């Protein structure tokens, strides 16, 4: 394998981890933060909701979560743009 420039060599282990095991973070699917987010969103009143993470698309929940950038996707109205 040819040698990589210093910047690429420095970030190679991080990218290898992301590409082989998936991204890691607070709201990554399967983490405790993600489960907590879904639990809280399920308790907000309103239907219809995102089929993936339960973000409400109508009512009071819609207004609150719009402030944080959540809303229905343009391409699939049953999923959010998260």
PDB file of N, CA and C in Angstrom:
ATOM      1  N   UNK A   1       0.853  -1.177   0.000  1.00  0.00           N
ATOM      2  CA  UNK A   1       0.000   0.000   0.000  1.00  0.00           C
ATOM      3  C   UNK A   1       0.897   1.238   0.000  1.00  0.00           C
ATOM      4  N   UNK A   2       0.649   2.194  -0.885  1.00  0.00           N
ATOM      5  CA  UNK A   2       1.472   3.399  -0.905  1.00  0.00           C
ATOM      6  C   UNK A   2       1.268   4.211   0.365  1.00  0.00           C
ATOM      7  N   UNK A   3       2.306   4.958   0.727  1.00  0.00           N
ATOM      8  CA  UNK A   3       2.185   5.755   1.953  1.00  0.00           C
ATOM      9  C   UNK A   3       1.230   6.915   1.730  1.00  0.00           C
ATOM     10  N   UNK A   4       0.475   7.213   2.766  1.00  0.00           N
ATOM     11  CA  UNK A   4      -0.507   8.282   2.699  1.00  0.00           C
ATOM     12  C   UNK A   4       0.087   9.572   3.242  1.00  0.00           C
ATOM     13  N   UNK A   5      -0.400  10.714   2.768  1.00  0.00           N
ATOM     14  CA  UNK A   5       0.022  11.965   3.387  1.00  0.00           C
ATOM     15  C   UNK A   5      -0.360  11.959   4.872  1.00  0.00           C
ATOM     16  N   UNK A   6       0.335  12.755   5.644  1.00  0.00           N
ATOM     17  CA  UNK A   6       0.145  12.767   7.104  1.00  0.00           C
ATOM     18  C   UNK A   6      -1.306  12.953   7.524  1.00  0.00           C
ATOM     19  N   UNK A   7      -2.031  13.876   6.903  1.00  0.00           N
ATOM     20  CA  UNK A   7      -3.417  14.141   7.299  1.00  0.00           C
ATOM     21  C   UNK A   7      -4.289  12.913   7.066  1.00  0.00           C
ATOM     22  N   UNK A   8      -4.111  12.251   5.937  1.00  0.00           N
ATOM     23  CA  UNK A   8      -4.904  11.058   5.649  1.00  0.00           C
ATOM     24  C   UNK A   8      -4.539   9.919   6.585  1.00  0.00           C
ATOM     25  N   UNK A   9      -3.254   9.733   6.838  1.00  0.00           N
ATOM     26  CA  UNK A   9      -2.807   8.650   7.717  1.00  0.00           C
ATOM     27  C   UNK A   9      -3.322   8.861   9.133  1.00  0.00           C
ATOM     28  N   UNK A  10      -3.438  10.111   9.543  1.00  0.00           N
ATOM     29  CA  UNK A  10      -3.922  10.409  10.890  1.00  0.00           C
ATOM     30  C   UNK A  10      -5.383  10.017  11.062  1.00  0.00           C
ATOM     31  N   UNK A  11      -6.210  10.179  10.025  1.00  0.00           N
ATOM     32  CA  UNK A  11      -7.650   9.923  10.125  1.00  0.00           C
ATOM     33  C   UNK A  11      -8.058   8.542   9.621  1.00  0.00           C
ATOM     34  N   UNK A  12      -7.129   7.787   9.074  1.00  0.00           N
ATOM     35  CA  UNK A  12      -7.468   6.475   8.533  1.00  0.00           C
ATOM     36  C   UNK A  12      -8.088   5.531   9.560  1.00  0.00           C
ATOM     37  N   UNK A  13      -7.555   5.414  10.794  1.00  0.00           N
ATOM     38  CA  UNK A  13      -8.191   4.506  11.772  1.00  0.00           C
ATOM     39  C   UNK A  13      -9.622   4.920  12.122  1.00  0.00           C
ATOM     40  N   UNK A  14      -9.877   6.215  12.182  1.00  0.00           N
ATOM     41  CA  UNK A  14     -11.240   6.682  12.487  1.00  0.00           C
ATOM     42  C   UNK A  14     -12.207   6.285  11.374  1.00  0.00           C
ATOM     43  N   UNK A  15     -11.796   6.502  10.119  1.00  0.00           N
ATOM     44  CA  UNK A  15     -12.664   6.142   9.004  1.00  0.00           C
ATOM     45  C   UNK A  15     -12.846   4.629   8.902  1.00  0.00           C
ATOM     46  N   UNK A  16     -11.790   3.896   9.168  1.00  0.00           N
ATOM     47  CA  UNK A  16     -11.909   2.431   9.125  1.00  0.00           C
ATOM     48  C   UNK A  16     -12.960   1.957  10.136  1.00  0.00           C
ATOM     49  N   UNK A  17     -12.949   2.544  11.345  1.00  0.00           N
ATOM     50  CA  UNK A  17     -13.927   2.213  12.385  1.00  0.00           C
ATOM     51  C   UNK A  17     -15.347   2.566  11.931  1.00  0.00           C
ATOM     52  N   UNK A  18     -15.520   3.742  11.354  1.00  0.00           N
ATOM     53  CA  UNK A  18     -16.846   4.177  10.900  1.00  0.00           C
ATOM     54  C   UNK A  18     -17.365   3.286   9.788  1.00  0.00           C
ATOM     55  N   UNK A  19     -16.504   2.967   8.823  1.00  0.00           N
ATOM     56  CA  UNK A  19     -16.947   2.178   7.672  1.00  0.00           C
ATOM     57  C   UNK A  19     -17.159   0.710   7.997  1.00  0.00           C
ATOM     58  N   UNK A  20     -16.477   0.177   8.991  1.00  0.00           N
ATOM     59  CA  UNK A  20     -16.665  -1.234   9.321  1.00  0.00           C
ATOM     60  C   UNK A  20     -17.727  -1.465  10.391  1.00  0.00           C
ATOM     61  N   UNK A  21     -17.863  -0.534  11.347  1.00  0.00           N
ATOM     62  CA  UNK A  21     -18.795  -0.740  12.460  1.00  0.00           C
ATOM     63  C   UNK A  21     -19.941   0.263  12.484  1.00  0.00           C
ATOM     64  N   UNK A  22     -19.935   1.254  11.610  1.00  0.00           N
ATOM     65  CA  UNK A  22     -20.979   2.269  11.598  1.00  0.00           C
ATOM     66  C   UNK A  22     -20.606   3.452  12.469  1.00  0.00           C
ATOM     67  N   UNK A  23     -21.331   4.540  12.314  1.00  0.00           N
ATOM     68  CA  UNK A  23     -21.018   5.741  13.090  1.00  0.00           C
ATOM     69  C   UNK A  23     -21.340   5.549  14.568  1.00  0.00           C
ATOM     70  N   UNK A  24     -20.618   6.229  15.404  1.00  0.00           N
ATOM     71  CA  UNK A  24     -20.859   6.202  16.846  1.00  0.00           C
ATOM     72  C   UNK A  24     -21.230   7.606  17.274  1.00  0.00           C
ATOM     73  N   UNK A  25     -22.198   7.718  18.134  1.00  0.00           N
ATOM     74  CA  UNK A  25     -22.598   9.030  18.613  1.00  0.00           C
ATOM     75  C   UNK A  25     -23.772   8.916  19.553  1.00  0.00           C
ATOM     76  N   UNK A  26     -24.199  10.031  20.082  1.00  0.00           N
ATOM     77  CA  UNK A  26     -25.269  10.050  21.069  1.00  0.00           C
ATOM     78  C   UNK A  26     -26.584   9.533  20.495  1.00  0.00           C
ATOM     79  N   UNK A  27     -26.926   9.929  19.268  1.00  0.00           N
ATOM     80  CA  UNK A  27     -28.220   9.541  18.696  1.00  0.00           C
ATOM     81  C   UNK A  27     -28.091   8.504  17.592  1.00  0.00           C
ATOM     82  N   UNK A  28     -27.018   7.737  17.601  1.00  0.00           N
ATOM     83  CA  UNK A  28     -26.847   6.671  16.630  1.00  0.00           C
ATOM     84  C   UNK A  28     -27.799   5.532  16.960  1.00  0.00           C
ATOM     85  N   UNK A  29     -28.395   4.955  15.929  1.00  0.00           N
ATOM     86  CA  UNK A  29     -29.361   3.884  16.138  1.00  0.00           C
ATOM     87  C   UNK A  29     -28.751   2.762  16.974  1.00  0.00           C
ATOM     88  N   UNK A  30     -29.476   2.329  17.996  1.00  0.00           N
ATOM     89  CA  UNK A  30     -29.025   1.250  18.863  1.00  0.00           C
ATOM     90  C   UNK A  30     -28.358   1.724  20.146  1.00  0.00           C
ATOM     91  N   UNK A  31     -28.064   3.009  20.247  1.00  0.00           N
ATOM     92  CA  UNK A  31     -27.434   3.509  21.476  1.00  0.00           C
ATOM     93  C   UNK A  31     -28.500   3.886  22.494  1.00  0.00           C
ATOM     94  N   UNK A  32     -28.081   4.077  23.722  1.00  0.00           N
ATOM     95  CA  UNK A  32     -29.017   4.440  24.782  1.00  0.00           C
ATOM     96  C   UNK A  32     -29.631   5.815  24.521  1.00  0.00           C
ATOM     97  N   UNK A  33     -28.848   6.757  23.972  1.00  0.00           N
ATOM     98  CA  UNK A  33     -29.374   8.086  23.662  1.00  0.00           C
ATOM     99  C   UNK A  33     -30.475   8.026  22.611  1.00  0.00           C
ATOM    100  N   UNK A  34     -30.307   7.159  21.625  1.00  0.00           N
ATOM    101  CA  UNK A  34     -31.311   6.996  20.576  1.00  0.00           C
ATOM    102  C   UNK A  34     -32.605   6.410  21.151  1.00  0.00           C
ATOM    103  N   UNK A  35     -32.457   5.414  22.014  1.00  0.00           N
ATOM    104  CA  UNK A  35     -33.642   4.811  22.623  1.00  0.00           C
ATOM    105  C   UNK A  35     -34.365   5.815  23.512  1.00  0.00           C
ATOM    106  N   UNK A  36     -33.620   6.627  24.236  1.00  0.00           N
ATOM    107  CA  UNK A  36     -34.220   7.655  25.075  1.00  0.00           C
ATOM    108  C   UNK A  36     -34.961   8.687  24.221  1.00  0.00           C
ATOM    109  N   UNK A  37     -34.355   9.096  23.098  1.00  0.00           N
ATOM    110  CA  UNK A  37     -35.005  10.050  22.199  1.00  0.00           C
ATOM    111  C   UNK A  37     -36.323   9.484  21.674  1.00  0.00           C
ATOM    112  N   UNK A  38     -36.323   8.225  21.234  1.00  0.00           N
ATOM    113  CA  UNK A  38     -37.557   7.618  20.730  1.00  0.00           C
ATOM    114  C   UNK A  38     -38.611   7.508  21.826  1.00  0.00           C
ATOM    115  N   UNK A  39     -38.186   7.164  23.037  1.00  0.00           N
ATOM    116  CA  UNK A  39     -39.116   7.047  24.157  1.00  0.00           C
ATOM    117  C   UNK A  39     -39.778   8.391  24.426  1.00  0.00           C
ATOM    118  N   UNK A  40     -39.003   9.471  24.434  1.00  0.00           N
ATOM    119  CA  UNK A  40     -39.564  10.804  24.683  1.00  0.00           C
ATOM    120  C   UNK A  40     -40.479  11.246  23.545  1.00  0.00           C
ATOM    121  N   UNK A  41     -40.076  10.995  22.306  1.00  0.00           N
ATOM    122  CA  UNK A  41     -40.887  11.427  21.168  1.00  0.00           C
ATOM    123  C   UNK A  41     -42.210  10.674  21.093  1.00  0.00           C
ATOM    124  N   UNK A  42     -42.212   9.404  21.501  1.00  0.00           N
ATOM    125  CA  UNK A  42     -43.450   8.625  21.506  1.00  0.00           C
ATOM    126  C   UNK A  42     -44.484   9.212  22.456  1.00  0.00           C
ATOM    127  N   UNK A  43     -44.030   9.887  23.499  1.00  0.00           N
ATOM    128  CA  UNK A  43     -44.949  10.441  24.486  1.00  0.00           C
ATOM    129  C   UNK A  43     -45.494  11.814  24.110  1.00  0.00           C
ATOM    130  N   UNK A  44     -44.957  12.424  23.047  1.00  0.00           N
ATOM    131  CA  UNK A  44     -45.492  13.707  22.583  1.00  0.00           C
ATOM    132  C   UNK A  44     -46.797  13.440  21.843  1.00  0.00           C
ATOM    133  N   UNK A  45     -47.828  14.225  22.114  1.00  0.00           N
ATOM    134  CA  UNK A  45     -49.106  13.970  21.463  1.00  0.00           C
ATOM    135  C   UNK A  45     -49.087  14.354  19.997  1.00  0.00           C
ATOM    136  N   UNK A  46     -49.629  13.488  19.152  1.00  0.00           N
ATOM    137  CA  UNK A  46     -49.883  13.806  17.754  1.00  0.00           C
ATOM    138  C   UNK A  46     -49.642  12.621  16.846  1.00  0.00           C
ATOM    139  N   UNK A  47     -50.433  12.537  15.833  1.00  0.00           N
ATOM    140  CA  UNK A  47     -50.254  11.623  14.717  1.00  0.00           C
ATOM    141  C   UNK A  47     -50.485  12.439  13.469  1.00  0.00           C
ATOM    142  N   UNK A  48     -49.894  12.179  12.374  1.00  0.00           N
ATOM    143  CA  UNK A  48     -48.984  11.098  11.997  1.00  0.00           C
ATOM    144  C   UNK A  48     -47.576  11.331  12.542  1.00  0.00           C
ATOM    145  N   UNK A  49     -46.789  10.268  12.491  1.00  0.00           N
ATOM    146  CA  UNK A  49     -45.420  10.303  13.003  1.00  0.00           C
ATOM    147  C   UNK A  49     -44.454   9.689  12.002  1.00  0.00           C
ATOM    148  N   UNK A  50     -43.158   9.962  12.228  1.00  0.00           N
ATOM    149  CA  UNK A  50     -42.105   9.313  11.448  1.00  0.00           C
ATOM    150  C   UNK A  50     -42.112   7.823  11.787  1.00  0.00           C
ATOM    151  N   UNK A  51     -42.004   6.985  10.798  1.00  0.00           N
ATOM    152  CA  UNK A  51     -42.019   5.534  11.010  1.00  0.00           C
ATOM    153  C   UNK A  51     -40.736   5.030  11.661  1.00  0.00           C
ATOM    154  N   UNK A  52     -39.687   5.847  11.647  1.00  0.00           N
ATOM    155  CA  UNK A  52     -38.391   5.421  12.160  1.00  0.00           C
ATOM    156  C   UNK A  52     -38.134   5.898  13.588  1.00  0.00           C
ATOM    157  N   UNK A  53     -38.353   7.185  13.841  1.00  0.00           N
ATOM    158  CA  UNK A  53     -37.969   7.721  15.149  1.00  0.00           C
ATOM    159  C   UNK A  53     -39.133   8.363  15.910  1.00  0.00           C
ATOM    160  N   UNK A  54     -40.351   8.275  15.389  1.00  0.00           N
ATOM    161  CA  UNK A  54     -41.576   8.740  16.056  1.00  0.00           C
ATOM    162  C   UNK A  54     -41.691  10.263  16.198  1.00  0.00           C
ATOM    163  N   UNK A  55     -40.997  11.042  15.375  1.00  0.00           N
ATOM    164  CA  UNK A  55     -41.162  12.499  15.405  1.00  0.00           C
ATOM    165  C   UNK A  55     -42.578  12.820  14.946  1.00  0.00           C
ATOM    166  N   UNK A  56     -43.342  13.600  15.730  1.00  0.00           N
ATOM    167  CA  UNK A  56     -44.704  13.947  15.320  1.00  0.00           C
ATOM    168  C   UNK A  56     -44.699  14.969  14.183  1.00  0.00           C
ATOM    169  N   UNK A  57     -45.581  14.789  13.218  1.00  0.00           N
ATOM    170  CA  UNK A  57     -45.682  15.685  12.074  1.00  0.00           C
ATOM    171  C   UNK A  57     -46.857  16.650  12.182  1.00  0.00           C
ATOM    172  N   UNK A  58     -47.626  16.603  13.251  1.00  0.00           N
ATOM    173  CA  UNK A  58     -48.786  17.497  13.409  1.00  0.00           C
ATOM    174  C   UNK A  58     -48.933  17.859  14.886  1.00  0.00           C
ATOM    175  N   UNK A  59     -49.761  18.845  15.157  1.00  0.00           N
ATOM    176  CA  UNK A  59     -50.080  19.229  16.519  1.00  0.00           C
ATOM    177  C   UNK A  59     -48.960  19.969  17.234  1.00  0.00           C
ATOM    178  N   UNK A  60     -49.001  19.935  18.543  1.00  0.00           N
ATOM    179  CA  UNK A  60     -48.037  20.656  19.378  1.00  0.00           C
ATOM    180  C   UNK A  60     -46.620  20.111  19.170  1.00  0.00           C
ATOM    181  N   UNK A  61     -46.494  18.807  19.057  1.00  0.00           N
ATOM    182  CA  UNK A  61     -45.179  18.207  18.865  1.00  0.00           C
ATOM    183  C   UNK A  61     -44.492  18.710  17.611  1.00  0.00           C
ATOM    184  N   UNK A  62     -45.252  18.928  16.559  1.00  0.00           N
ATOM    185  CA  UNK A  62     -44.676  19.435  15.309  1.00  0.00           C
ATOM    186  C   UNK A  62     -44.062  20.808  15.528  1.00  0.00           C
ATOM    187  N   UNK A  63     -44.796  21.680  16.203  1.00  0.00           N
ATOM    188  CA  UNK A  63     -44.296  23.033  16.424  1.00  0.00           C
ATOM    189  C   UNK A  63     -43.025  23.060  17.241  1.00  0.00           C
ATOM    190  N   UNK A  64     -42.972  22.219  18.262  1.00  0.00           N
ATOM    191  CA  UNK A  64     -41.782  22.177  19.123  1.00  0.00           C
ATOM    192  C   UNK A  64     -40.582  21.630  18.350  1.00  0.00           C
ATOM    193  N   UNK A  65     -40.775  20.533  17.636  1.00  0.00           N
ATOM    194  CA  UNK A  65     -39.648  19.894  16.963  1.00  0.00           C
ATOM    195  C   UNK A  65     -39.227  20.616  15.693  1.00  0.00           C
ATOM    196  N   UNK A  66     -40.092  21.430  15.103  1.00  0.00           N
ATOM    197  CA  UNK A  66     -39.692  22.251  13.961  1.00  0.00           C
ATOM    198  C   UNK A  66     -38.573  23.209  14.353  1.00  0.00           C
ATOM    199  N   UNK A  67     -38.591  23.668  15.603  1.00  0.00           N
ATOM    200  CA  UNK A  67     -37.540  24.569  16.082  1.00  0.00           C
ATOM    201  C   UNK A  67     -36.167  23.896  16.058  1.00  0.00           C
ATOM    202  N   UNK A  68     -36.137  22.568  16.158  1.00  0.00           N
ATOM    203  CA  UNK A  68     -34.890  21.813  16.152  1.00  0.00           C
ATOM    204  C   UNK A  68     -34.573  21.224  14.783  1.00  0.00           C
ATOM    205  N   UNK A  69     -35.365  21.560  13.763  1.00  0.00           N
ATOM    206  CA  UNK A  69     -35.084  21.120  12.400  1.00  0.00           C
ATOM    207  C   UNK A  69     -35.738  19.825  11.982  1.00  0.00           C
ATOM    208  N   UNK A  70     -36.604  19.249  12.804  1.00  0.00           N
ATOM    209  CA  UNK A  70     -37.294  18.014  12.437  1.00  0.00           C
ATOM    210  C   UNK A  70     -38.519  18.337  11.599  1.00  0.00           C
ATOM    211  N   UNK A  71     -38.816  17.497  10.646  1.00  0.00           N
ATOM    212  CA  UNK A  71     -40.006  17.647   9.828  1.00  0.00           C
ATOM    213  C   UNK A  71     -40.091  16.494   8.846  1.00  0.00           C
ATOM    214  N   UNK A  72     -41.180  16.389   8.097  1.00  0.00           N
ATOM    215  CA  UNK A  72     -41.296  15.300   7.131  1.00  0.00           C
ATOM    216  C   UNK A  72     -40.304  15.457   5.982  1.00  0.00           C
ATOM    217  N   UNK A  73     -39.817  14.357   5.493  1.00  0.00           N
ATOM    218  CA  UNK A  73     -38.896  14.370   4.361  1.00  0.00           C
ATOM    219  C   UNK A  73     -39.640  14.755   3.090  1.00  0.00           C
ATOM    220  N   UNK A  74     -38.956  15.445   2.191  1.00  0.00           N
ATOM    221  CA  UNK A  74     -39.579  15.804   0.909  1.00  0.00           C
ATOM    222  C   UNK A  74     -39.779  14.568   0.042  1.00  0.00           C
ATOM    223  N   UNK A  75     -38.869  13.604   0.144  1.00  0.00           N
ATOM    224  CA  UNK A  75     -38.909  12.433  -0.725  1.00  0.00           C
ATOM    225  C   UNK A  75     -39.807  11.320  -0.207  1.00  0.00           C
ATOM    226  N   UNK A  76     -39.957  11.204   1.116  1.00  0.00           N
ATOM    227  CA  UNK A  76     -40.787  10.176   1.702  1.00  0.00           C
ATOM    228  C   UNK A  76     -41.545  10.783   2.885  1.00  0.00           C
ATOM    229  N   UNK A  77     -42.808  11.115   2.719  1.00  0.00           N
ATOM    230  CA  UNK A  77     -43.541  11.814   3.780  1.00  0.00           C
ATOM    231  C   UNK A  77     -43.804  10.975   5.036  1.00  0.00           C
ATOM    232  N   UNK A  78     -43.512   9.675   5.010  1.00  0.00           N
ATOM    233  CA  UNK A  78     -43.689   8.860   6.214  1.00  0.00           C
ATOM    234  C   UNK A  78     -42.425   8.832   7.071  1.00  0.00           C
ATOM    235  N   UNK A  79     -41.339   9.454   6.596  1.00  0.00           N
ATOM    236  CA  UNK A  79     -40.068   9.501   7.324  1.00  0.00           C
ATOM    237  C   UNK A  79     -39.712  10.962   7.576  1.00  0.00           C
ATOM    238  N   UNK A  80     -38.920  11.205   8.632  1.00  0.00           N
ATOM    239  CA  UNK A  80     -38.488  12.573   8.912  1.00  0.00           C
ATOM    240  C   UNK A  80     -37.172  12.883   8.204  1.00  0.00           C
ATOM    241  N   UNK A  81     -36.787  14.143   8.255  1.00  0.00           N
ATOM    242  CA  UNK A  81     -35.534  14.541   7.603  1.00  0.00           C
ATOM    243  C   UNK A  81     -34.340  14.442   8.546  1.00  0.00           C
ATOM    244  N   UNK A  82     -34.479  13.722   9.644  1.00  0.00           N
ATOM    245  CA  UNK A  82     -33.397  13.513  10.602  1.00  0.00           C
ATOM    246  C   UNK A  82     -32.467  12.511  10.022  1.00  0.00           C
TER     247      UNK A  82
END
